[in-house]
Amino acid sequence: MKQKKSVLFGKILPPVWLFFASLLPRTPLQAQELSLKLVSFNAMFLYDEIGDETAFPRGRIPRKEIDFERIRTHLQRIDPDWIALQEVENENAVRKILPNSYDCAVTRTRGYDQEIGVCWKKKFRPVFISERSEIAVFPGARKGLEIEFVVGNRRISVLNIHLKAGSDERSIRIRKEQLRALNRILREKRNFFLLGDFNIALAKDSASWKLLSEGVALKNPGRFTKPNCWGHKRRIDFILTDLPVAKNALESVPFPEDDGDFDGDPLSEKTLSDHCPIVLNYQIQGE
């Protein structure tokens, strides 16, 4: 198993930080505040637009400040407590779509610009932050990012992932290995949320669901919900948990510009994202 690395606010930190993180002062939220809004959002090649001209994927349109503002406004309306982001270049890029009321951690990979990050309102204090490199099972596969918070008297883990895309044989094989790696992680967890872009329709792919959930009390509150995003037929973005949630608690929040087809008409669609933020509201009980 590959060694975990700790990260804080976009920087790699030595493992000793985990000890000091446990000593950070914790101020439990009051009972009336024990409601969490979790969001996951694939921001579609979110670069900071600084010296990135040669790094852009084919067909990607550079974003201008007005484009960042449209995404930022949409996320501010949703007002997440915790948000997991996929396809971000770095923390500078993340800062362009979130206000200063959030702290963030973003993975860093040498020679790679499609990272993942987790951001949280500053009233929360993380007690553990770690890259999960064991999810990067093959070269080119992305690692995960795990953050733990104490809410009330409960320690809650947030794990952000972006699994391998593609329908070719190699991509499917890599994705299956990533699901097995995730299953090993989740078997050791209690009180967790697993968020991200799975690149598979978990509601219909029973084999993949079994690989991920075997031996884990895993719930999929998005199983029976429609994507409601750019006319997509399959949901591949999920927020999964072992905590009690309603069956249809997950929802997509489409952009105001969503006309049912991500076809570049109008062209301004292409500077948003081909994904929509997904939202799960969770009420902590019995605290």
Protein backbone atom coordinates (compact mmCIF):
# COMPACT_ATOMS: atom_id res chain seq x y z
CA MET A 1 0.00 0.00 0.00
CA LYS A 2 1.31 3.43 -0.91
CA GLN A 3 2.10 5.85 1.88
CA LYS A 4 -0.48 8.53 2.66
CA LYS A 5 0.53 12.17 2.43
CA SER A 6 -0.98 14.94 4.50
CA VAL A 7 -2.13 18.12 2.80
CA LEU A 8 -3.35 21.40 4.22
CA PHE A 9 -4.69 24.31 2.20
CA GLY A 10 -3.09 23.06 -1.02
CA LYS A 11 0.32 22.26 0.46
CA ILE A 12 1.91 18.90 1.18
CA LEU A 13 2.73 18.58 4.88
CA PRO A 14 4.86 16.09 6.81
CA PRO A 15 3.04 13.27 8.60
CA VAL A 16 3.84 14.84 11.99
CA TRP A 17 1.13 17.41 11.22
CA LEU A 18 -1.48 14.72 11.86
CA PHE A 19 -0.44 14.70 15.52
CA PHE A 20 -0.73 18.45 15.89
CA ALA A 21 -4.04 18.46 14.00
CA SER A 22 -5.49 16.32 16.74
CA LEU A 23 -4.57 19.06 19.23
CA LEU A 24 -6.40 21.85 17.40
CA PRO A 25 -9.16 23.43 19.51
CA ARG A 26 -12.56 22.06 18.66
CA THR A 27 -15.68 24.08 19.21
CA PRO A 28 -18.70 21.78 18.87
CA LEU A 29 -21.56 23.32 16.90
CA GLN A 30 -24.78 23.94 18.80
CA ALA A 31 -27.67 21.53 18.33
CA GLN A 32 -29.55 23.89 16.03
CA GLU A 33 -26.50 24.06 13.76
CA LEU A 34 -26.12 20.31 13.29
CA SER A 35 -27.35 20.37 9.73
CA LEU A 36 -24.84 19.88 6.92
CA LYS A 37 -25.09 20.74 3.25
CA LEU A 38 -22.61 18.69 1.23
CA VAL A 39 -21.87 19.40 -2.42
CA SER A 40 -19.82 17.67 -5.10
CA PHE A 41 -18.94 19.42 -8.35
CA ASN A 42 -16.77 18.49 -11.32
CA ALA A 43 -15.62 21.93 -12.46
CA MET A 44 -14.48 20.76 -15.93
CA PHE A 45 -10.81 21.61 -16.36
CA LEU A 46 -10.82 24.53 -13.94
CA TYR A 47 -7.48 26.26 -14.55
CA ASP A 48 -6.34 29.47 -12.92
CA GLU A 49 -5.67 30.74 -16.48
CA ILE A 50 -2.11 31.78 -15.61
CA GLY A 51 0.39 30.45 -18.16
CA ASP A 52 -1.85 27.52 -19.03
CA GLU A 53 -2.20 28.04 -22.77
CA THR A 54 -0.18 24.93 -23.68
CA ALA A 55 -1.84 22.76 -21.04
CA PHE A 56 -5.44 23.09 -22.17
CA PRO A 57 -7.19 19.94 -23.39
CA ARG A 58 -8.33 20.06 -27.00
CA GLY A 59 -11.49 22.08 -27.47
CA ARG A 60 -11.36 23.75 -24.07
CA ILE A 61 -12.23 27.45 -24.08
CA PRO A 62 -10.21 29.61 -21.65
CA ARG A 63 -12.33 31.14 -18.91
CA LYS A 64 -12.55 34.87 -18.32
CA GLU A 65 -13.36 36.59 -15.05
CA ILE A 66 -17.03 36.77 -15.97
CA ASP A 67 -17.06 32.98 -16.37
CA PHE A 68 -15.53 32.42 -12.94
CA GLU A 69 -18.09 34.85 -11.56
CA ARG A 70 -21.00 32.87 -13.03
CA ILE A 71 -19.77 29.65 -11.43
CA ARG A 72 -19.04 31.44 -8.14
CA THR A 73 -22.52 32.98 -8.06
CA HIS A 74 -24.13 29.59 -8.67
CA LEU A 75 -22.18 27.97 -5.85
CA GLN A 76 -22.89 30.85 -3.48
CA ARG A 77 -26.62 30.35 -4.06
CA ILE A 78 -26.22 26.71 -3.06
CA ASP A 79 -24.15 27.73 -0.01
CA PRO A 80 -22.42 24.42 0.82
CA ASP A 81 -20.89 23.69 4.20
CA TRP A 82 -18.46 21.23 2.60
CA ILE A 83 -17.77 20.98 -1.12
CA ALA A 84 -15.75 18.37 -3.01
CA LEU A 85 -14.30 19.57 -6.33
CA GLN A 86 -12.91 17.57 -9.23
CA GLU A 87 -10.85 18.64 -12.27
CA VAL A 88 -9.20 21.66 -10.66
CA GLU A 89 -5.65 22.74 -11.48
CA ASN A 90 -4.69 24.09 -8.06
CA GLU A 91 -5.95 26.11 -5.11
CA ASN A 92 -5.60 29.36 -7.07
CA ALA A 93 -8.18 28.03 -9.51
CA VAL A 94 -10.49 27.00 -6.68
CA ARG A 95 -10.24 30.47 -5.14
CA LYS A 96 -11.70 31.92 -8.33
CA ILE A 97 -15.03 30.17 -7.76
CA LEU A 98 -15.34 30.26 -3.95
CA PRO A 99 -15.35 33.21 -1.52
CA ASN A 100 -12.80 33.77 1.25
CA SER A 101 -15.22 32.34 3.80
CA TYR A 102 -13.89 28.87 2.89
CA ASP A 103 -10.66 27.07 3.66
CA CYS A 104 -9.47 24.46 1.18
CA ALA A 105 -7.15 21.52 0.65
CA VAL A 106 -6.12 20.49 -2.88
CA THR A 107 -4.01 17.53 -3.97
CA ARG A 108 -0.73 18.10 -5.78
CA THR A 109 0.67 15.72 -8.35
CA ARG A 110 3.90 16.25 -10.26
CA GLY A 111 3.26 16.78 -13.97
CA TYR A 112 -0.51 16.69 -13.56
CA ASP A 113 -3.12 19.43 -13.63
CA GLN A 114 -6.39 17.61 -12.96
CA GLU A 115 -6.46 17.63 -9.16
CA ILE A 116 -9.24 17.31 -6.61
CA GLY A 117 -10.00 19.46 -3.61
CA VAL A 118 -12.24 19.83 -0.59
CA CYS A 119 -13.33 23.19 0.82
CA TRP A 120 -15.24 23.95 4.01
CA LYS A 121 -16.72 26.94 5.77
CA LYS A 122 -14.27 28.33 8.30
CA LYS A 123 -16.55 27.57 11.23
CA PHE A 124 -15.44 23.94 10.76
CA ARG A 125 -11.98 22.81 11.82
CA PRO A 126 -10.40 19.77 10.14
CA VAL A 127 -8.70 17.32 12.49
CA PHE A 128 -7.22 15.12 9.76
CA ILE A 129 -6.24 15.80 6.13
CA SER A 130 -4.65 13.17 3.92
CA GLU A 131 -4.12 12.26 0.29
CA ARG A 132 -5.26 8.69 -0.41
CA SER A 133 -2.67 7.63 -2.96
CA GLU A 134 -3.79 3.98 -2.83
CA ILE A 135 -6.71 4.97 -5.09
CA ALA A 136 -4.22 5.90 -7.84
CA VAL A 137 -3.87 2.22 -8.72
CA PHE A 138 -2.19 2.81 -12.11
CA PRO A 139 -0.16 5.67 -13.63
CA GLY A 140 -2.57 8.40 -14.66
CA ALA A 141 -5.24 7.37 -12.16
CA ARG A 142 -6.14 10.04 -9.62
CA LYS A 143 -5.61 9.76 -5.89
CA GLY A 144 -8.27 10.64 -3.34
CA LEU A 145 -8.42 13.32 -0.68
CA GLU A 146 -9.78 12.70 2.81
CA ILE A 147 -10.74 15.32 5.40
CA GLU A 148 -12.11 14.62 8.88
CA PHE A 149 -14.17 17.02 10.99
CA VAL A 150 -15.71 16.86 14.44
CA VAL A 151 -19.36 17.94 14.35
CA GLY A 152 -21.15 17.82 17.67
CA ASN A 153 -19.68 14.71 19.28
CA ARG A 154 -19.25 12.90 15.99
CA ARG A 155 -16.11 12.56 13.89
CA ILE A 156 -17.09 12.61 10.21
CA SER A 157 -14.85 11.67 7.28
CA VAL A 158 -15.21 13.29 3.85
CA LEU A 159 -13.50 11.43 0.99
CA ASN A 160 -13.35 13.05 -2.46
CA ILE A 161 -12.60 10.91 -5.51
CA HIS A 162 -12.52 11.14 -9.31
CA LEU A 163 -12.38 7.69 -10.86
CA LYS A 164 -10.91 6.75 -14.21
CA ALA A 165 -13.00 7.80 -17.21
CA GLY A 166 -13.50 5.79 -20.39
CA SER A 167 -15.33 2.73 -21.68
CA ASP A 168 -12.33 0.91 -23.19
CA GLU A 169 -11.08 -2.31 -21.61
CA ARG A 170 -8.09 -0.71 -19.88
CA SER A 171 -10.15 2.10 -18.33
CA ILE A 172 -12.75 -0.35 -17.06
CA ARG A 173 -10.02 -2.52 -15.50
CA ILE A 174 -8.44 0.49 -13.77
CA ARG A 175 -11.80 1.68 -12.48
CA LYS A 176 -12.55 -1.75 -11.02
CA GLU A 177 -9.24 -1.71 -9.17
CA GLN A 178 -10.05 1.75 -7.86
CA LEU A 179 -13.41 0.48 -6.58
CA ARG A 180 -11.65 -2.39 -4.81
CA ALA A 181 -9.20 0.07 -3.23
CA LEU A 182 -12.08 2.25 -2.09
CA ASN A 183 -13.86 -0.75 -0.62
CA ARG A 184 -10.79 -1.56 1.48
CA ILE A 185 -10.73 2.01 2.77
CA LEU A 186 -14.45 2.14 3.54
CA ARG A 187 -14.41 -1.15 5.44
CA GLU A 188 -12.30 0.63 8.08
CA LYS A 189 -14.52 3.74 8.22
CA ARG A 190 -17.54 4.82 10.21
CA ASN A 191 -19.51 8.04 9.75
CA PHE A 192 -18.26 8.93 6.27
CA PHE A 193 -19.32 10.64 3.07
CA LEU A 194 -17.81 9.52 -0.24
CA LEU A 195 -18.22 12.24 -2.86
CA GLY A 196 -17.12 12.64 -6.43
CA ASP A 197 -17.23 11.76 -10.10
CA PHE A 198 -17.37 7.97 -10.35
CA ASN A 199 -17.57 7.89 -14.17
CA ILE A 200 -20.02 5.00 -13.86
CA ALA A 201 -23.79 4.86 -13.45
CA LEU A 202 -23.77 3.16 -10.04
CA ALA A 203 -27.57 2.91 -10.00
CA LYS A 204 -27.49 0.57 -13.01
CA ASP A 205 -24.05 -1.06 -12.73
CA SER A 206 -24.66 -3.73 -10.10
CA ALA A 207 -21.21 -5.30 -10.53
CA SER A 208 -19.45 -2.01 -9.80
CA TRP A 209 -21.74 -1.33 -6.86
CA LYS A 210 -20.91 -4.73 -5.39
CA LEU A 211 -17.16 -4.10 -5.72
CA LEU A 212 -17.55 -0.80 -3.89
CA SER A 213 -20.10 -1.71 -1.24
CA GLU A 214 -19.40 -5.32 -0.26
CA GLY A 215 -19.04 -5.51 3.52
CA VAL A 216 -19.92 -1.81 3.89
CA ALA A 217 -23.26 -0.35 5.01
CA LEU A 218 -23.19 1.95 2.00
CA LYS A 219 -26.20 4.02 0.95
CA ASN A 220 -26.76 5.77 -2.37
CA PRO A 221 -29.28 8.61 -1.90
CA GLY A 222 -28.96 9.42 -5.61
CA ARG A 223 -29.91 5.97 -6.83
CA PHE A 224 -33.47 6.87 -7.81
CA THR A 225 -32.92 10.50 -8.75
CA LYS A 226 -32.59 11.88 -12.27
CA PRO A 227 -29.42 13.77 -13.27
CA ASN A 228 -31.40 16.92 -14.20
CA CYS A 229 -28.25 18.35 -15.76
CA TRP A 230 -27.73 19.34 -19.42
CA GLY A 231 -30.03 16.54 -20.53
CA HIS A 232 -27.66 13.80 -19.31
CA LYS A 233 -29.31 10.38 -19.17
CA ARG A 234 -27.01 8.81 -16.56
CA ARG A 235 -25.92 10.02 -13.15
CA ILE A 236 -22.19 9.53 -12.57
CA ASP A 237 -21.70 12.08 -9.76
CA PHE A 238 -22.65 10.79 -6.32
CA ILE A 239 -22.54 11.45 -2.60
CA LEU A 240 -22.56 8.10 -0.79
CA THR A 241 -22.60 7.50 2.96
CA ASP A 242 -22.99 4.97 5.75
CA LEU A 243 -25.10 7.45 7.72
CA PRO A 244 -28.92 7.41 7.69
CA VAL A 245 -30.28 9.40 4.73
CA ALA A 246 -33.49 9.41 2.73
CA LYS A 247 -33.52 7.40 -0.50
CA ASN A 248 -34.00 10.44 -2.73
CA ALA A 249 -32.09 12.99 -0.66
CA LEU A 250 -29.59 13.82 -3.43
CA GLU A 251 -30.41 16.49 -5.99
CA SER A 252 -28.69 18.21 -8.89
CA VAL A 253 -28.68 21.99 -9.10
CA PRO A 254 -28.43 22.95 -12.78
CA PHE A 255 -26.94 26.23 -13.90
CA PRO A 256 -29.47 28.93 -14.88
CA GLU A 257 -28.04 28.63 -18.41
CA ASP A 258 -28.94 24.92 -18.62
CA ASP A 259 -31.13 24.55 -21.72
CA GLY A 260 -31.12 20.76 -21.68
CA ASP A 261 -28.14 20.23 -23.99
CA PHE A 262 -24.44 20.94 -23.40
CA ASP A 263 -23.80 21.65 -27.08
CA GLY A 264 -22.06 25.02 -26.97
CA ASP A 265 -25.14 26.90 -28.11
CA PRO A 266 -24.78 29.48 -26.74
CA LEU A 267 -20.99 29.35 -26.56
CA SER A 268 -21.04 30.58 -22.95
CA GLU A 269 -22.14 27.08 -21.86
CA LYS A 270 -18.65 25.80 -22.55
CA THR A 271 -17.07 28.02 -19.90
CA LEU A 272 -19.32 26.66 -17.14
CA SER A 273 -19.09 22.87 -16.74
CA ASP A 274 -20.60 19.81 -18.37
CA HIS A 275 -21.45 18.68 -14.81
CA CYS A 276 -23.82 20.29 -12.31
CA PRO A 277 -23.29 20.59 -8.56
CA ILE A 278 -25.02 17.82 -6.62
CA VAL A 279 -26.34 18.50 -3.12
CA LEU A 280 -27.05 16.36 -0.07
CA ASN A 281 -28.58 17.88 3.06
CA TYR A 282 -27.83 15.86 6.16
CA GLN A 283 -29.34 16.39 9.59
CA ILE A 284 -27.24 14.96 12.42
CA GLN A 285 -29.47 13.16 14.88
CA GLY A 286 -29.08 12.03 18.45
CA GLU A 287 -26.25 14.41 19.37
